[in-house]
Amino acid sequence: MPRKQEAEHKINNFIDVPEVRIVGENVTQGVYPIKEALKIAEDLELDLVLITATANPPVCRVIDYKKFLYEQKKKQKELKSKQSKVVVKEIRFGPQTDEHDYEFKKKHAQKFLEEGSKLKAYVFFKGRSIIFKDQGQILLLKLAQELEEWGKVEQMPKLEGKRMIMMMSPKK
């Protein structure tokens, strides 16, 4: 009863080597000719799965292949759920942002950091306003100082083209 070939592993009759080393539970471990290894797996009503093809002789495990795939998918799903997604929120200032707008944007920045998002604050210089780059830097440093309770500066204000960018990450 040959089964269709799965892309991930070679199983049963798809293993094309003269002899293999068998490992697994309820099996006498050792080196067997491929026909005998297949017979052992068949007697246990399990599958012979090629695990390490580069070894000499190649290593096979006697397991229930469908159960093995299910366990692997479960592990991958678990690892994926433990990963945290990094969200970057942006706040844009002008070099001459007035006090009220600054306070309004600072509250938003504080909320983003409290949520656990990274913050990308930048001052955008339009046209000739690039001559106020020191004002932009002062504005970003002031923001960093006022938000130090909720986040720490990851990247100090740095001029990139027409933008002066500063990155902050939340405090744990």
N, C-alpha and C. Protein backbone atom coordinates (compact mmCIF):
# COMPACT_ATOMS: atom_id res chain seq x y z
N MET A 1 0.83 -1.20 0.00
CA MET A 1 0.00 0.00 0.00
C MET A 1 0.87 1.26 0.00
N PRO A 2 1.51 1.58 -1.12
CA PRO A 2 2.34 2.79 -1.18
C PRO A 2 1.48 4.04 -1.08
N ARG A 3 1.95 4.98 -0.30
CA ARG A 3 1.25 6.25 -0.10
C ARG A 3 1.87 7.31 -0.97
N LYS A 4 1.12 8.38 -1.31
CA LYS A 4 1.68 9.42 -2.17
C LYS A 4 2.87 10.09 -1.47
N GLN A 5 3.82 10.53 -2.25
CA GLN A 5 5.04 11.12 -1.70
C GLN A 5 4.78 12.51 -1.13
N GLU A 6 5.10 12.69 0.14
CA GLU A 6 5.04 14.01 0.78
C GLU A 6 6.33 14.75 0.43
N ALA A 7 6.24 16.07 0.24
CA ALA A 7 7.39 16.87 -0.18
C ALA A 7 8.46 16.95 0.91
N GLU A 8 8.02 16.94 2.18
CA GLU A 8 8.96 17.18 3.28
C GLU A 8 9.90 16.01 3.56
N HIS A 9 9.36 14.79 3.58
CA HIS A 9 10.17 13.63 3.97
C HIS A 9 9.94 12.48 3.00
N LYS A 10 10.97 11.65 2.86
CA LYS A 10 10.79 10.43 2.08
C LYS A 10 10.26 9.36 3.04
N ILE A 11 9.19 8.69 2.60
CA ILE A 11 8.63 7.66 3.46
C ILE A 11 8.46 6.34 2.72
N ASN A 12 8.44 5.25 3.48
CA ASN A 12 8.21 3.88 3.00
C ASN A 12 8.92 3.57 1.69
N ASN A 13 8.17 3.24 0.63
CA ASN A 13 8.76 2.78 -0.64
C ASN A 13 9.48 3.86 -1.41
N PHE A 14 9.41 5.12 -0.97
CA PHE A 14 10.10 6.21 -1.66
C PHE A 14 11.55 6.36 -1.20
N ILE A 15 11.94 5.59 -0.20
CA ILE A 15 13.32 5.62 0.29
C ILE A 15 14.13 4.72 -0.64
N ASP A 16 15.10 5.30 -1.37
CA ASP A 16 15.83 4.53 -2.37
C ASP A 16 17.31 4.37 -2.04
N VAL A 17 17.56 3.69 -0.92
CA VAL A 17 18.94 3.36 -0.53
C VAL A 17 18.98 1.88 -0.17
N PRO A 18 20.13 1.22 -0.30
CA PRO A 18 20.18 -0.24 -0.04
C PRO A 18 19.97 -0.62 1.43
N GLU A 19 20.54 0.19 2.37
CA GLU A 19 20.34 -0.12 3.79
C GLU A 19 20.22 1.14 4.61
N VAL A 20 19.53 1.02 5.77
CA VAL A 20 19.26 2.18 6.63
C VAL A 20 19.49 1.83 8.09
N ARG A 21 19.72 2.87 8.87
CA ARG A 21 19.82 2.70 10.32
C ARG A 21 18.44 3.05 10.89
N ILE A 22 17.87 2.16 11.67
CA ILE A 22 16.52 2.37 12.20
C ILE A 22 16.62 2.84 13.65
N VAL A 23 15.84 3.87 13.97
CA VAL A 23 15.69 4.34 15.35
C VAL A 23 14.20 4.51 15.59
N GLY A 24 13.81 4.58 16.84
CA GLY A 24 12.40 4.78 17.17
C GLY A 24 12.00 3.95 18.37
N GLU A 25 10.76 4.13 18.79
CA GLU A 25 10.26 3.38 19.94
C GLU A 25 9.75 2.02 19.49
N ASN A 26 9.83 1.02 20.36
CA ASN A 26 9.36 -0.35 20.10
C ASN A 26 10.09 -1.01 18.93
N VAL A 27 11.32 -0.58 18.65
CA VAL A 27 12.09 -1.13 17.53
C VAL A 27 13.50 -1.44 18.02
N THR A 28 14.05 -2.55 17.52
CA THR A 28 15.44 -2.84 17.82
C THR A 28 16.28 -1.97 16.90
N GLN A 29 17.05 -1.08 17.50
CA GLN A 29 17.82 -0.14 16.70
C GLN A 29 19.00 -0.84 16.06
N GLY A 30 19.31 -0.44 14.83
CA GLY A 30 20.44 -1.04 14.14
C GLY A 30 20.38 -0.75 12.66
N VAL A 31 21.32 -1.36 11.91
CA VAL A 31 21.39 -1.18 10.46
C VAL A 31 20.73 -2.38 9.81
N TYR A 32 19.75 -2.09 8.91
CA TYR A 32 18.99 -3.14 8.23
C TYR A 32 18.95 -2.88 6.73
N PRO A 33 18.82 -3.95 5.92
CA PRO A 33 18.54 -3.74 4.49
C PRO A 33 17.17 -3.06 4.38
N ILE A 34 16.95 -2.29 3.32
CA ILE A 34 15.73 -1.50 3.19
C ILE A 34 14.47 -2.38 3.21
N LYS A 35 14.51 -3.57 2.59
CA LYS A 35 13.32 -4.44 2.55
C LYS A 35 12.94 -4.90 3.96
N GLU A 36 13.96 -5.23 4.73
CA GLU A 36 13.70 -5.69 6.11
C GLU A 36 13.18 -4.53 6.97
N ALA A 37 13.72 -3.33 6.77
CA ALA A 37 13.26 -2.15 7.52
C ALA A 37 11.80 -1.85 7.19
N LEU A 38 11.44 -1.95 5.92
CA LEU A 38 10.04 -1.73 5.51
C LEU A 38 9.13 -2.78 6.13
N LYS A 39 9.61 -4.04 6.20
CA LYS A 39 8.81 -5.12 6.80
C LYS A 39 8.58 -4.84 8.28
N ILE A 40 9.61 -4.37 8.99
CA ILE A 40 9.49 -4.05 10.43
C ILE A 40 8.43 -2.97 10.62
N ALA A 41 8.49 -1.92 9.81
CA ALA A 41 7.52 -0.82 9.92
C ALA A 41 6.12 -1.31 9.61
N GLU A 42 5.99 -2.16 8.58
CA GLU A 42 4.68 -2.68 8.18
C GLU A 42 4.08 -3.55 9.28
N ASP A 43 4.92 -4.39 9.90
CA ASP A 43 4.44 -5.27 10.99
C ASP A 43 3.90 -4.46 12.16
N LEU A 44 4.50 -3.29 12.41
CA LEU A 44 4.05 -2.42 13.51
C LEU A 44 2.92 -1.49 13.06
N GLU A 45 2.52 -1.60 11.79
CA GLU A 45 1.50 -0.74 11.18
C GLU A 45 1.87 0.75 11.31
N LEU A 46 3.16 1.02 11.09
CA LEU A 46 3.68 2.38 11.13
C LEU A 46 4.41 2.66 9.82
N ASP A 47 4.97 3.87 9.72
CA ASP A 47 5.69 4.26 8.51
C ASP A 47 7.18 4.34 8.79
N LEU A 48 7.96 4.07 7.74
CA LEU A 48 9.41 4.23 7.80
C LEU A 48 9.70 5.59 7.19
N VAL A 49 10.24 6.53 7.98
CA VAL A 49 10.46 7.90 7.53
C VAL A 49 11.95 8.20 7.54
N LEU A 50 12.46 8.69 6.40
CA LEU A 50 13.87 9.06 6.27
C LEU A 50 14.10 10.38 7.00
N ILE A 51 14.96 10.36 8.01
CA ILE A 51 15.18 11.55 8.81
C ILE A 51 16.47 12.26 8.43
N THR A 52 17.58 11.51 8.37
CA THR A 52 18.85 12.10 7.99
C THR A 52 19.40 11.35 6.78
N ALA A 53 19.25 11.97 5.61
CA ALA A 53 19.69 11.31 4.37
C ALA A 53 21.20 11.37 4.19
N THR A 54 21.85 12.35 4.84
CA THR A 54 23.29 12.55 4.64
C THR A 54 24.15 11.61 5.48
N ALA A 55 23.55 10.97 6.48
CA ALA A 55 24.32 10.07 7.35
C ALA A 55 24.70 8.81 6.56
N ASN A 56 25.66 8.06 7.08
CA ASN A 56 26.06 6.83 6.42
C ASN A 56 25.95 5.67 7.40
N PRO A 57 25.03 4.76 7.31
CA PRO A 57 23.89 4.73 6.39
C PRO A 57 22.82 5.75 6.82
N PRO A 58 21.92 6.12 5.89
CA PRO A 58 20.86 7.08 6.22
C PRO A 58 20.02 6.62 7.41
N VAL A 59 19.56 7.59 8.22
CA VAL A 59 18.80 7.26 9.43
C VAL A 59 17.31 7.36 9.14
N CYS A 60 16.56 6.32 9.55
CA CYS A 60 15.11 6.30 9.39
C CYS A 60 14.47 6.07 10.74
N ARG A 61 13.26 6.57 10.91
CA ARG A 61 12.53 6.38 12.15
C ARG A 61 11.22 5.67 11.83
N VAL A 62 10.83 4.76 12.70
CA VAL A 62 9.56 4.05 12.53
C VAL A 62 8.53 4.78 13.39
N ILE A 63 7.63 5.52 12.71
CA ILE A 63 6.62 6.32 13.40
C ILE A 63 5.34 6.38 12.58
N ASP A 64 4.27 6.86 13.21
CA ASP A 64 3.03 7.14 12.49
C ASP A 64 3.23 8.50 11.82
N TYR A 65 3.35 8.51 10.49
CA TYR A 65 3.74 9.73 9.77
C TYR A 65 2.71 10.85 9.91
N LYS A 66 1.44 10.52 9.84
CA LYS A 66 0.39 11.56 9.95
C LYS A 66 0.45 12.22 11.34
N LYS A 67 0.66 11.40 12.35
CA LYS A 67 0.77 11.93 13.72
C LYS A 67 2.01 12.82 13.85
N PHE A 68 3.10 12.39 13.21
CA PHE A 68 4.35 13.13 13.22
C PHE A 68 4.16 14.51 12.58
N LEU A 69 3.48 14.56 11.42
CA LEU A 69 3.21 15.84 10.75
C LEU A 69 2.33 16.74 11.61
N TYR A 70 1.32 16.13 12.24
CA TYR A 70 0.42 16.88 13.12
C TYR A 70 1.19 17.52 14.27
N GLU A 71 2.07 16.75 14.89
CA GLU A 71 2.88 17.26 16.01
C GLU A 71 3.78 18.40 15.55
N GLN A 72 4.37 18.26 14.36
CA GLN A 72 5.25 19.31 13.83
C GLN A 72 4.47 20.61 13.61
N LYS A 73 3.28 20.50 13.00
CA LYS A 73 2.46 21.68 12.75
C LYS A 73 2.06 22.35 14.05
N LYS A 74 1.75 21.53 15.05
CA LYS A 74 1.37 22.04 16.36
C LYS A 74 2.53 22.84 16.98
N LYS A 75 3.74 22.31 16.88
CA LYS A 75 4.92 22.99 17.42
C LYS A 75 5.16 24.32 16.71
N GLN A 76 5.04 24.32 15.36
CA GLN A 76 5.24 25.54 14.59
C GLN A 76 4.21 26.60 14.95
N LYS A 77 2.96 26.17 15.13
CA LYS A 77 1.89 27.09 15.49
C LYS A 77 2.16 27.71 16.86
N GLU A 78 2.64 26.88 17.79
CA GLU A 78 2.95 27.34 19.13
C GLU A 78 4.08 28.37 19.11
N LEU A 79 5.13 28.10 18.32
CA LEU A 79 6.25 29.03 18.20
C LEU A 79 5.79 30.35 17.59
N LYS A 80 4.91 30.26 16.60
CA LYS A 80 4.42 31.45 15.92
C LYS A 80 3.60 32.31 16.88
N SER A 81 2.81 31.67 17.73
CA SER A 81 1.97 32.43 18.66
C SER A 81 2.81 33.13 19.74
N LYS A 82 4.00 32.59 20.02
CA LYS A 82 4.86 33.21 21.04
C LYS A 82 5.62 34.42 20.51
N GLN A 83 5.71 34.52 19.16
CA GLN A 83 6.41 35.66 18.58
C GLN A 83 5.56 36.92 18.78
N SER A 84 6.25 38.03 19.01
CA SER A 84 5.52 39.28 19.15
C SER A 84 5.75 40.14 17.92
N LYS A 85 4.70 40.72 17.47
CA LYS A 85 4.79 41.58 16.29
C LYS A 85 5.21 42.97 16.75
N VAL A 86 6.19 43.56 16.07
CA VAL A 86 6.65 44.90 16.42
C VAL A 86 5.88 45.89 15.55
N VAL A 87 5.12 46.76 16.21
CA VAL A 87 4.35 47.77 15.50
C VAL A 87 5.08 49.11 15.66
N VAL A 88 5.29 49.80 14.54
CA VAL A 88 5.95 51.10 14.59
C VAL A 88 4.91 52.16 14.25
N LYS A 89 4.68 53.08 15.18
CA LYS A 89 3.76 54.19 14.96
C LYS A 89 4.59 55.43 14.67
N GLU A 90 4.08 56.27 13.77
CA GLU A 90 4.82 57.46 13.38
C GLU A 90 4.12 58.72 13.85
N ILE A 91 4.90 59.70 14.23
CA ILE A 91 4.38 61.03 14.55
C ILE A 91 5.24 62.04 13.81
N ARG A 92 4.56 62.94 13.11
CA ARG A 92 5.27 63.92 12.26
C ARG A 92 5.11 65.32 12.84
N PHE A 93 6.22 66.01 12.91
CA PHE A 93 6.25 67.41 13.36
C PHE A 93 6.80 68.28 12.24
N GLY A 94 6.50 69.56 12.31
CA GLY A 94 7.17 70.53 11.47
C GLY A 94 8.20 71.22 12.35
N PRO A 95 9.18 71.89 11.77
CA PRO A 95 10.22 72.53 12.60
C PRO A 95 9.65 73.66 13.47
N GLN A 96 8.50 74.22 13.08
CA GLN A 96 7.92 75.34 13.84
C GLN A 96 6.59 74.94 14.47
N THR A 97 6.47 73.66 14.90
CA THR A 97 5.24 73.17 15.52
C THR A 97 4.96 73.99 16.78
N ASP A 98 3.73 74.51 16.89
CA ASP A 98 3.42 75.32 18.08
C ASP A 98 3.12 74.44 19.28
N GLU A 99 3.01 75.05 20.46
CA GLU A 99 2.90 74.35 21.73
C GLU A 99 1.69 73.43 21.79
N HIS A 100 0.52 73.91 21.35
CA HIS A 100 -0.71 73.10 21.45
C HIS A 100 -0.60 71.83 20.59
N ASP A 101 -0.14 71.96 19.35
CA ASP A 101 0.04 70.80 18.48
C ASP A 101 1.07 69.84 19.07
N TYR A 102 2.14 70.38 19.60
CA TYR A 102 3.18 69.56 20.21
C TYR A 102 2.60 68.72 21.36
N GLU A 103 1.82 69.36 22.25
CA GLU A 103 1.23 68.65 23.39
C GLU A 103 0.28 67.55 22.92
N PHE A 104 -0.52 67.88 21.91
CA PHE A 104 -1.48 66.94 21.34
C PHE A 104 -0.76 65.70 20.79
N LYS A 105 0.30 65.92 20.04
CA LYS A 105 1.06 64.82 19.45
C LYS A 105 1.84 64.04 20.51
N LYS A 106 2.28 64.75 21.55
CA LYS A 106 3.01 64.09 22.64
C LYS A 106 2.09 63.10 23.35
N LYS A 107 0.78 63.48 23.55
CA LYS A 107 -0.18 62.57 24.19
C LYS A 107 -0.36 61.30 23.35
N HIS A 108 -0.44 61.49 22.04
CA HIS A 108 -0.55 60.32 21.17
C HIS A 108 0.69 59.45 21.26
N ALA A 109 1.85 60.06 21.26
CA ALA A 109 3.11 59.33 21.35
C ALA A 109 3.16 58.53 22.66
N GLN A 110 2.71 59.14 23.74
CA GLN A 110 2.68 58.47 25.05
C GLN A 110 1.76 57.25 24.98
N LYS A 111 0.60 57.42 24.36
CA LYS A 111 -0.36 56.32 24.24
C LYS A 111 0.25 55.17 23.42
N PHE A 112 0.95 55.49 22.34
CA PHE A 112 1.57 54.46 21.51
C PHE A 112 2.60 53.66 22.31
N LEU A 113 3.41 54.37 23.10
CA LEU A 113 4.44 53.70 23.91
C LEU A 113 3.79 52.83 24.99
N GLU A 114 2.69 53.32 25.58
CA GLU A 114 1.99 52.54 26.61
C GLU A 114 1.41 51.25 26.01
N GLU A 115 0.98 51.31 24.74
CA GLU A 115 0.43 50.13 24.05
C GLU A 115 1.52 49.10 23.78
N GLY A 116 2.77 49.54 23.80
CA GLY A 116 3.88 48.64 23.51
C GLY A 116 4.39 48.77 22.08
N SER A 117 3.96 49.81 21.38
CA SER A 117 4.44 50.04 20.02
C SER A 117 5.73 50.85 20.04
N LYS A 118 6.54 50.68 19.00
CA LYS A 118 7.71 51.54 18.85
C LYS A 118 7.22 52.87 18.28
N LEU A 119 7.97 53.91 18.52
CA LEU A 119 7.58 55.24 18.06
C LEU A 119 8.66 55.80 17.15
N LYS A 120 8.22 56.28 15.99
CA LYS A 120 9.13 56.92 15.05
C LYS A 120 8.66 58.38 14.97
N ALA A 121 9.36 59.26 15.64
CA ALA A 121 9.02 60.68 15.62
C ALA A 121 9.95 61.35 14.64
N TYR A 122 9.37 62.17 13.76
CA TYR A 122 10.25 62.87 12.82
C TYR A 122 9.76 64.28 12.54
N VAL A 123 10.73 65.11 12.24
CA VAL A 123 10.45 66.49 11.84
C VAL A 123 10.69 66.54 10.34
N PHE A 124 9.68 67.02 9.62
CA PHE A 124 9.76 67.10 8.16
C PHE A 124 10.05 68.53 7.75
N PHE A 125 11.12 68.71 7.01
CA PHE A 125 11.51 70.05 6.57
C PHE A 125 11.06 70.25 5.13
N LYS A 126 10.17 71.24 4.93
CA LYS A 126 9.68 71.56 3.58
C LYS A 126 10.51 72.73 3.03
N GLY A 127 10.81 72.66 1.77
CA GLY A 127 11.48 73.78 1.10
C GLY A 127 12.72 74.26 1.83
N ARG A 128 12.73 75.56 2.13
CA ARG A 128 13.91 76.16 2.78
C ARG A 128 13.90 76.01 4.30
N SER A 129 12.88 75.37 4.86
CA SER A 129 12.82 75.23 6.32
C SER A 129 13.96 74.38 6.87
N ILE A 130 14.77 73.76 6.00
CA ILE A 130 15.92 72.97 6.43
C ILE A 130 16.89 73.83 7.25
N ILE A 131 16.82 75.16 7.11
CA ILE A 131 17.71 76.02 7.90
C ILE A 131 17.35 75.98 9.38
N PHE A 132 16.17 75.42 9.72
CA PHE A 132 15.76 75.30 11.12
C PHE A 132 16.03 73.90 11.68
N LYS A 133 17.05 73.20 11.14
CA LYS A 133 17.29 71.83 11.61
C LYS A 133 17.64 71.76 13.09
N ASP A 134 18.28 72.79 13.63
CA ASP A 134 18.56 72.79 15.07
C ASP A 134 17.27 72.87 15.87
N GLN A 135 16.26 73.61 15.38
CA GLN A 135 14.96 73.67 16.06
C GLN A 135 14.30 72.29 16.03
N GLY A 136 14.41 71.59 14.92
CA GLY A 136 13.86 70.24 14.81
C GLY A 136 14.50 69.29 15.80
N GLN A 137 15.81 69.39 15.93
CA GLN A 137 16.53 68.52 16.86
C GLN A 137 16.13 68.83 18.30
N ILE A 138 16.00 70.10 18.62
CA ILE A 138 15.58 70.51 19.98
C ILE A 138 14.20 69.96 20.28
N LEU A 139 13.29 70.03 19.28
CA LEU A 139 11.92 69.53 19.44
C LEU A 139 11.92 68.03 19.74
N LEU A 140 12.69 67.26 18.98
CA LEU A 140 12.73 65.81 19.18
C LEU A 140 13.37 65.44 20.52
N LEU A 141 14.43 66.14 20.90
CA LEU A 141 15.08 65.87 22.19
C LEU A 141 14.15 66.21 23.35
N LYS A 142 13.38 67.29 23.19
CA LYS A 142 12.39 67.68 24.21
C LYS A 142 11.33 66.58 24.34
N LEU A 143 10.88 66.05 23.20
CA LEU A 143 9.89 64.96 23.20
C LEU A 143 10.47 63.74 23.92
N ALA A 144 11.70 63.38 23.59
CA ALA A 144 12.35 62.22 24.21
C ALA A 144 12.45 62.40 25.72
N GLN A 145 12.80 63.61 26.14
CA GLN A 145 12.95 63.88 27.57
C GLN A 145 11.61 63.76 28.28
N GLU A 146 10.54 64.29 27.67
CA GLU A 146 9.23 64.25 28.30
C GLU A 146 8.59 62.86 28.26
N LEU A 147 9.04 61.99 27.39
CA LEU A 147 8.49 60.64 27.29
C LEU A 147 9.40 59.58 27.90
N GLU A 148 10.46 59.99 28.60
CA GLU A 148 11.42 59.01 29.12
C GLU A 148 10.79 58.07 30.15
N GLU A 149 9.67 58.48 30.75
CA GLU A 149 8.97 57.62 31.71
C GLU A 149 8.33 56.42 31.01
N TRP A 150 7.94 56.56 29.74
CA TRP A 150 7.23 55.51 29.00
C TRP A 150 8.09 54.79 27.98
N GLY A 151 9.17 55.43 27.55
CA GLY A 151 10.01 54.80 26.53
C GLY A 151 11.44 55.29 26.58
N LYS A 152 12.30 54.56 25.89
CA LYS A 152 13.71 54.96 25.85
C LYS A 152 14.11 55.20 24.38
N VAL A 153 15.02 56.12 24.19
CA VAL A 153 15.46 56.47 22.84
C VAL A 153 16.32 55.35 22.29
N GLU A 154 15.92 54.85 21.12
CA GLU A 154 16.64 53.78 20.45
C GLU A 154 17.65 54.37 19.46
N GLN A 155 17.22 55.47 18.82
CA GLN A 155 18.09 56.14 17.86
C GLN A 155 17.94 57.64 18.06
N MET A 156 19.04 58.30 18.32
CA MET A 156 19.01 59.75 18.53
C MET A 156 18.60 60.46 17.24
N PRO A 157 18.11 61.70 17.35
CA PRO A 157 17.70 62.43 16.15
C PRO A 157 18.82 62.46 15.11
N LYS A 158 18.45 62.06 13.88
CA LYS A 158 19.44 61.97 12.81
C LYS A 158 18.80 62.50 11.53
N LEU A 159 19.49 63.35 10.84
CA LEU A 159 18.96 63.95 9.61
C LEU A 159 19.15 62.98 8.44
N GLU A 160 18.02 62.62 7.80
CA GLU A 160 18.05 61.77 6.61
C GLU A 160 17.27 62.49 5.53
N GLY A 161 17.95 63.13 4.62
CA GLY A 161 17.29 63.88 3.56
C GLY A 161 16.57 65.09 4.14
N LYS A 162 15.25 65.15 3.94
CA LYS A 162 14.45 66.27 4.47
C LYS A 162 13.78 65.92 5.78
N ARG A 163 14.17 64.82 6.39
CA ARG A 163 13.56 64.38 7.65
C ARG A 163 14.62 64.24 8.73
N MET A 164 14.26 64.62 9.95
CA MET A 164 15.12 64.33 11.10
C MET A 164 14.36 63.29 11.91
N ILE A 165 14.90 62.09 12.00
CA ILE A 165 14.18 60.95 12.58
C ILE A 165 14.77 60.54 13.93
N MET A 166 13.86 60.19 14.86
CA MET A 166 14.26 59.66 16.16
C MET A 166 13.36 58.45 16.45
N MET A 167 13.97 57.36 16.91
CA MET A 167 13.20 56.15 17.23
C MET A 167 13.18 55.96 18.74
N MET A 168 12.00 55.57 19.26
CA MET A 168 11.85 55.26 20.68
C MET A 168 11.19 53.90 20.81
N SER A 169 11.59 53.15 21.82
CA SER A 169 10.94 51.87 22.10
C SER A 169 10.35 51.92 23.50
N PRO A 170 9.25 51.19 23.72
CA PRO A 170 8.58 51.24 25.03
C PRO A 170 9.43 50.59 26.11
N LYS A 171 9.25 51.07 27.34
CA LYS A 171 9.91 50.45 28.49
C LYS A 171 9.05 49.26 28.89
N LYS A 172 9.69 48.18 29.23
CA LYS A 172 8.94 46.97 29.62
C LYS A 172 8.32 47.13 30.98
